[in-house]
Amino acid sequence: MKQPYTCRGVVQISEVANGLIDPLLAKRAGINTLLLGSWDEIAGEDFADCTRPEKIAWQRRASESGQDGGYLPGVLTIACEGARALFLTHAQGELIQRINGFFGFPAINQIRIVQKPVSAPRKPNFKPRPLTGEPARKLDAMIGGIESDALKAALTRLGTAVMSQGKK
């Protein structure tokens, strides 16, 4: 694989990563990193947060299956969260047009929707225990000269979180 070089010989890490990842994605899922990176614009604000393209299943060429012609569009599998899949089903005609506009040719003629979680589950917020004893007095001494109540409260939360972590 030939690496792209600039006038100073510096290559962006994203170009190197895309060069390594794209062949694997193309082989395993039929998609590329450009589609994944542009998915938010393609899906629009209604579906960007709850959908993710999974794979494109390309059909065999019409000439191989005994029909006339050469190219047949594929089926895009999209992971969608919960009840939003119903809304995506109603909007799939527009989404197919957007995807084909992105590719510049009729690459997709059908969308298959799979209901599954798309975003990573959120971790519960960890609230540290209030400081007692010497650490509490030390923190109070550090932030004692600050006049702003909002800044003082923020620094108290930060100091409590930092000082309450025991040695690991």
C-alpha atoms as a PDB file:
ATOM      1  CA  MET A   1       0.000   0.000   0.000  1.00  0.00           C
ATOM      2  CA  LYS A   2       1.457   3.333  -1.046  1.00  0.00           C
ATOM      3  CA  GLN A   3       1.423   5.930   1.732  1.00  0.00           C
ATOM      4  CA  PRO A   4       0.381   9.503   0.885  1.00  0.00           C
ATOM      5  CA  TYR A   5       3.053  12.056   1.702  1.00  0.00           C
ATOM      6  CA  THR A   6       2.889  15.800   2.033  1.00  0.00           C
ATOM      7  CA  CYS A   7       5.649  18.171   1.056  1.00  0.00           C
ATOM      8  CA  ARG A   8       7.317  17.730   4.457  1.00  0.00           C
ATOM      9  CA  GLY A   9       6.784  13.986   4.755  1.00  0.00           C
ATOM     10  CA  VAL A  10       4.152  14.277   7.514  1.00  0.00           C
ATOM     11  CA  VAL A  11       1.082  12.064   7.316  1.00  0.00           C
ATOM     12  CA  GLN A  12      -1.999  12.441   9.507  1.00  0.00           C
ATOM     13  CA  ILE A  13      -2.680   9.498  11.770  1.00  0.00           C
ATOM     14  CA  SER A  14      -6.266   9.332  10.486  1.00  0.00           C
ATOM     15  CA  GLU A  15      -5.004   8.696   6.947  1.00  0.00           C
ATOM     16  CA  VAL A  16      -2.805   5.857   8.147  1.00  0.00           C
ATOM     17  CA  ALA A  17      -5.595   4.391  10.299  1.00  0.00           C
ATOM     18  CA  ASN A  18      -8.144   4.631   7.485  1.00  0.00           C
ATOM     19  CA  GLY A  19      -5.695   2.924   5.149  1.00  0.00           C
ATOM     20  CA  LEU A  20      -5.455   0.018   7.590  1.00  0.00           C
ATOM     21  CA  ILE A  21      -9.098  -0.172   8.655  1.00  0.00           C
ATOM     22  CA  ASP A  22     -10.883   0.377   5.312  1.00  0.00           C
ATOM     23  CA  PRO A  23      -9.800  -2.929   3.705  1.00  0.00           C
ATOM     24  CA  LEU A  24     -10.934  -4.844   6.802  1.00  0.00           C
ATOM     25  CA  LEU A  25     -14.287  -3.066   6.930  1.00  0.00           C
ATOM     26  CA  ALA A  26     -14.799  -3.561   3.204  1.00  0.00           C
ATOM     27  CA  LYS A  27     -14.081  -7.281   3.489  1.00  0.00           C
ATOM     28  CA  ARG A  28     -16.113  -7.953   6.645  1.00  0.00           C
ATOM     29  CA  ALA A  29     -18.986  -5.453   6.409  1.00  0.00           C
ATOM     30  CA  GLY A  30     -18.890  -3.915   2.931  1.00  0.00           C
ATOM     31  CA  ILE A  31     -18.604  -0.379   4.324  1.00  0.00           C
ATOM     32  CA  ASN A  32     -15.791   2.122   4.821  1.00  0.00           C
ATOM     33  CA  THR A  33     -14.720   4.634   7.440  1.00  0.00           C
ATOM     34  CA  LEU A  34     -15.906   7.521   5.285  1.00  0.00           C
ATOM     35  CA  LEU A  35     -19.497   6.257   5.580  1.00  0.00           C
ATOM     36  CA  LEU A  36     -19.121   5.726   9.329  1.00  0.00           C
ATOM     37  CA  GLY A  37     -17.577   9.170   9.816  1.00  0.00           C
ATOM     38  CA  SER A  38     -20.280  10.898   7.771  1.00  0.00           C
ATOM     39  CA  TRP A  39     -23.184   8.966   9.238  1.00  0.00           C
ATOM     40  CA  ASP A  40     -24.361  11.852  11.438  1.00  0.00           C
ATOM     41  CA  GLU A  41     -24.821  14.091   8.383  1.00  0.00           C
ATOM     42  CA  ILE A  42     -26.375  11.315   6.292  1.00  0.00           C
ATOM     43  CA  ALA A  43     -28.864  10.158   8.945  1.00  0.00           C
ATOM     44  CA  GLY A  44     -29.741  13.696  10.000  1.00  0.00           C
ATOM     45  CA  GLU A  45     -30.385  14.976  13.485  1.00  0.00           C
ATOM     46  CA  ASP A  46     -33.482  12.782  13.908  1.00  0.00           C
ATOM     47  CA  PHE A  47     -31.582   9.484  13.634  1.00  0.00           C
ATOM     48  CA  ALA A  48     -27.886  10.288  14.156  1.00  0.00           C
ATOM     49  CA  ASP A  49     -27.936   9.530  17.872  1.00  0.00           C
ATOM     50  CA  CYS A  50     -29.941   6.282  17.714  1.00  0.00           C
ATOM     51  CA  THR A  51     -28.656   4.554  14.550  1.00  0.00           C
ATOM     52  CA  ARG A  52     -25.417   3.079  13.261  1.00  0.00           C
ATOM     53  CA  PRO A  53     -24.655   1.405   9.921  1.00  0.00           C
ATOM     54  CA  GLU A  54     -23.676  -2.229  10.471  1.00  0.00           C
ATOM     55  CA  LYS A  55     -22.923  -3.687   7.044  1.00  0.00           C
ATOM     56  CA  ILE A  56     -23.787  -3.617   3.377  1.00  0.00           C
ATOM     57  CA  ALA A  57     -24.702  -6.930   1.778  1.00  0.00           C
ATOM     58  CA  TRP A  58     -23.853  -6.612  -1.907  1.00  0.00           C
ATOM     59  CA  GLN A  59     -25.780  -8.853  -4.261  1.00  0.00           C
ATOM     60  CA  ARG A  60     -24.029 -10.988  -6.835  1.00  0.00           C
ATOM     61  CA  ARG A  61     -23.552  -9.393 -10.191  1.00  0.00           C
ATOM     62  CA  ALA A  62     -26.432  -9.878 -12.557  1.00  0.00           C
ATOM     63  CA  SER A  63     -24.051 -11.407 -15.131  1.00  0.00           C
ATOM     64  CA  GLU A  64     -23.002 -14.072 -12.575  1.00  0.00           C
ATOM     65  CA  SER A  65     -26.594 -14.931 -11.683  1.00  0.00           C
ATOM     66  CA  GLY A  66     -27.556 -15.442 -15.347  1.00  0.00           C
ATOM     67  CA  GLN A  67     -29.269 -12.069 -15.891  1.00  0.00           C
ATOM     68  CA  ASP A  68     -28.267  -9.283 -18.242  1.00  0.00           C
ATOM     69  CA  GLY A  69     -26.544  -6.272 -16.760  1.00  0.00           C
ATOM     70  CA  GLY A  70     -23.681  -5.810 -14.360  1.00  0.00           C
ATOM     71  CA  TYR A  71     -24.248  -3.951 -11.122  1.00  0.00           C
ATOM     72  CA  LEU A  72     -26.932  -4.592  -8.496  1.00  0.00           C
ATOM     73  CA  PRO A  73     -27.376  -2.332  -5.449  1.00  0.00           C
ATOM     74  CA  GLY A  74     -26.933  -3.725  -1.951  1.00  0.00           C
ATOM     75  CA  VAL A  75     -28.856  -3.983   1.315  1.00  0.00           C
ATOM     76  CA  LEU A  76     -27.698  -1.774   4.192  1.00  0.00           C
ATOM     77  CA  THR A  77     -28.175  -3.172   7.696  1.00  0.00           C
ATOM     78  CA  ILE A  78     -28.702  -0.425  10.277  1.00  0.00           C
ATOM     79  CA  ALA A  79     -28.700  -0.907  14.039  1.00  0.00           C
ATOM     80  CA  CYS A  80     -31.406   1.200  15.668  1.00  0.00           C
ATOM     81  CA  GLU A  81     -32.434   1.652  19.275  1.00  0.00           C
ATOM     82  CA  GLY A  82     -35.852   0.574  20.482  1.00  0.00           C
ATOM     83  CA  ALA A  83     -38.992   2.316  19.333  1.00  0.00           C
ATOM     84  CA  ARG A  84     -37.093   4.673  17.040  1.00  0.00           C
ATOM     85  CA  ALA A  85     -36.902   1.769  14.563  1.00  0.00           C
ATOM     86  CA  LEU A  86     -40.556   2.357  13.688  1.00  0.00           C
ATOM     87  CA  PHE A  87     -39.846   5.974  12.775  1.00  0.00           C
ATOM     88  CA  LEU A  88     -36.781   4.902  10.812  1.00  0.00           C
ATOM     89  CA  THR A  89     -38.935   2.444   8.860  1.00  0.00           C
ATOM     90  CA  HIS A  90     -41.180   5.297   7.767  1.00  0.00           C
ATOM     91  CA  ALA A  91     -38.214   7.469   6.782  1.00  0.00           C
ATOM     92  CA  GLN A  92     -36.168   4.796   5.020  1.00  0.00           C
ATOM     93  CA  GLY A  93     -37.023   6.059   1.503  1.00  0.00           C
ATOM     94  CA  GLU A  94     -35.466   9.433   2.275  1.00  0.00           C
ATOM     95  CA  LEU A  95     -32.522   7.767   4.005  1.00  0.00           C
ATOM     96  CA  ILE A  96     -31.851   5.568   0.961  1.00  0.00           C
ATOM     97  CA  GLN A  97     -31.793   8.701  -1.206  1.00  0.00           C
ATOM     98  CA  ARG A  98     -29.330  10.389   1.165  1.00  0.00           C
ATOM     99  CA  ILE A  99     -27.046   7.347   1.226  1.00  0.00           C
ATOM    100  CA  ASN A 100     -27.091   7.027  -2.565  1.00  0.00           C
ATOM    101  CA  GLY A 101     -26.397  10.755  -2.817  1.00  0.00           C
ATOM    102  CA  PHE A 102     -23.412  10.269  -0.520  1.00  0.00           C
ATOM    103  CA  PHE A 103     -22.023   7.460  -2.674  1.00  0.00           C
ATOM    104  CA  GLY A 104     -22.881   9.257  -5.927  1.00  0.00           C
ATOM    105  CA  PHE A 105     -24.575   6.228  -7.482  1.00  0.00           C
ATOM    106  CA  PRO A 106     -27.472   3.920  -6.526  1.00  0.00           C
ATOM    107  CA  ALA A 107     -25.492   1.796  -4.067  1.00  0.00           C
ATOM    108  CA  ILE A 108     -28.400   0.882  -1.760  1.00  0.00           C
ATOM    109  CA  ASN A 109     -31.912  -0.184  -2.714  1.00  0.00           C
ATOM    110  CA  GLN A 110     -33.085  -1.588   0.621  1.00  0.00           C
ATOM    111  CA  ILE A 111     -32.519  -1.023   4.325  1.00  0.00           C
ATOM    112  CA  ARG A 112     -32.687  -3.783   6.921  1.00  0.00           C
ATOM    113  CA  ILE A 113     -33.266  -2.489  10.453  1.00  0.00           C
ATOM    114  CA  VAL A 114     -31.966  -4.417  13.472  1.00  0.00           C
ATOM    115  CA  GLN A 115     -33.041  -3.323  16.955  1.00  0.00           C
ATOM    116  CA  LYS A 116     -30.077  -3.194  19.317  1.00  0.00           C
ATOM    117  CA  PRO A 117     -28.381  -0.679  21.604  1.00  0.00           C
ATOM    118  CA  VAL A 118     -26.293   1.806  19.650  1.00  0.00           C
ATOM    119  CA  SER A 119     -24.741   4.038  22.279  1.00  0.00           C
ATOM    120  CA  ALA A 120     -22.620   2.788  25.139  1.00  0.00           C
ATOM    121  CA  PRO A 121     -24.500   2.606  28.439  1.00  0.00           C
ATOM    122  CA  ARG A 122     -23.754   5.534  30.667  1.00  0.00           C
ATOM    123  CA  LYS A 123     -21.729   4.944  33.780  1.00  0.00           C
ATOM    124  CA  PRO A 124     -23.405   6.051  36.984  1.00  0.00           C
ATOM    125  CA  ASN A 125     -22.008   9.241  38.433  1.00  0.00           C
ATOM    126  CA  PHE A 126     -19.627   8.486  41.266  1.00  0.00           C
ATOM    127  CA  LYS A 127     -20.052  10.781  44.254  1.00  0.00           C
ATOM    128  CA  PRO A 128     -17.165  10.611  46.698  1.00  0.00           C
ATOM    129  CA  ARG A 129     -17.749  10.511  50.428  1.00  0.00           C
ATOM    130  CA  PRO A 130     -17.333  13.793  52.284  1.00  0.00           C
ATOM    131  CA  LEU A 131     -13.858  14.337  53.697  1.00  0.00           C
ATOM    132  CA  THR A 132     -13.318  14.127  57.442  1.00  0.00           C
ATOM    133  CA  GLY A 133     -10.432  14.804  59.735  1.00  0.00           C
ATOM    134  CA  GLU A 134      -7.078  16.081  58.453  1.00  0.00           C
ATOM    135  CA  PRO A 135      -7.901  15.948  54.699  1.00  0.00           C
ATOM    136  CA  ALA A 136     -11.027  18.091  55.273  1.00  0.00           C
ATOM    137  CA  ARG A 137      -9.037  20.698  57.252  1.00  0.00           C
ATOM    138  CA  LYS A 138      -6.307  20.729  54.589  1.00  0.00           C
ATOM    139  CA  LEU A 139      -8.849  21.303  51.799  1.00  0.00           C
ATOM    140  CA  ASP A 140     -10.578  24.076  53.753  1.00  0.00           C
ATOM    141  CA  ALA A 141      -7.199  25.792  54.258  1.00  0.00           C
ATOM    142  CA  MET A 142      -6.437  25.576  50.524  1.00  0.00           C
ATOM    143  CA  ILE A 143      -9.679  27.164  49.357  1.00  0.00           C
ATOM    144  CA  GLY A 144     -10.159  29.507  52.327  1.00  0.00           C
ATOM    145  CA  GLY A 145      -9.048  32.675  50.504  1.00  0.00           C
ATOM    146  CA  ILE A 146     -11.366  32.295  47.501  1.00  0.00           C
ATOM    147  CA  GLU A 147     -14.185  34.851  47.420  1.00  0.00           C
ATOM    148  CA  SER A 148     -16.427  33.436  44.658  1.00  0.00           C
ATOM    149  CA  ASP A 149     -18.987  31.009  46.064  1.00  0.00           C
ATOM    150  CA  ALA A 150     -19.398  29.143  42.757  1.00  0.00           C
ATOM    151  CA  LEU A 151     -15.632  28.696  42.348  1.00  0.00           C
ATOM    152  CA  LYS A 152     -15.290  27.666  45.982  1.00  0.00           C
ATOM    153  CA  ALA A 153     -18.026  25.004  45.574  1.00  0.00           C
ATOM    154  CA  ALA A 154     -16.429  23.670  42.370  1.00  0.00           C
ATOM    155  CA  LEU A 155     -12.988  23.464  43.981  1.00  0.00           C
ATOM    156  CA  THR A 156     -14.479  21.772  47.041  1.00  0.00           C
ATOM    157  CA  ARG A 157     -16.052  19.082  44.813  1.00  0.00           C
ATOM    158  CA  LEU A 158     -12.787  18.644  42.914  1.00  0.00           C
ATOM    159  CA  GLY A 159     -10.679  18.545  46.060  1.00  0.00           C
ATOM    160  CA  THR A 160     -13.027  16.056  47.708  1.00  0.00           C
ATOM    161  CA  ALA A 161     -12.865  13.755  44.690  1.00  0.00           C
ATOM    162  CA  VAL A 162      -9.081  13.952  44.454  1.00  0.00           C
ATOM    163  CA  MET A 163      -8.326  13.650  48.162  1.00  0.00           C
ATOM    164  CA  SER A 164     -10.854  10.877  48.836  1.00  0.00           C
ATOM    165  CA  GLN A 165      -9.181   8.490  46.397  1.00  0.00           C
ATOM    166  CA  GLY A 166      -7.099   6.127  48.428  1.00  0.00           C
ATOM    167  CA  LYS A 167      -3.769   4.705  47.349  1.00  0.00           C
ATOM    168  CA  LYS A 168      -4.206   1.833  44.933  1.00  0.00           C
END
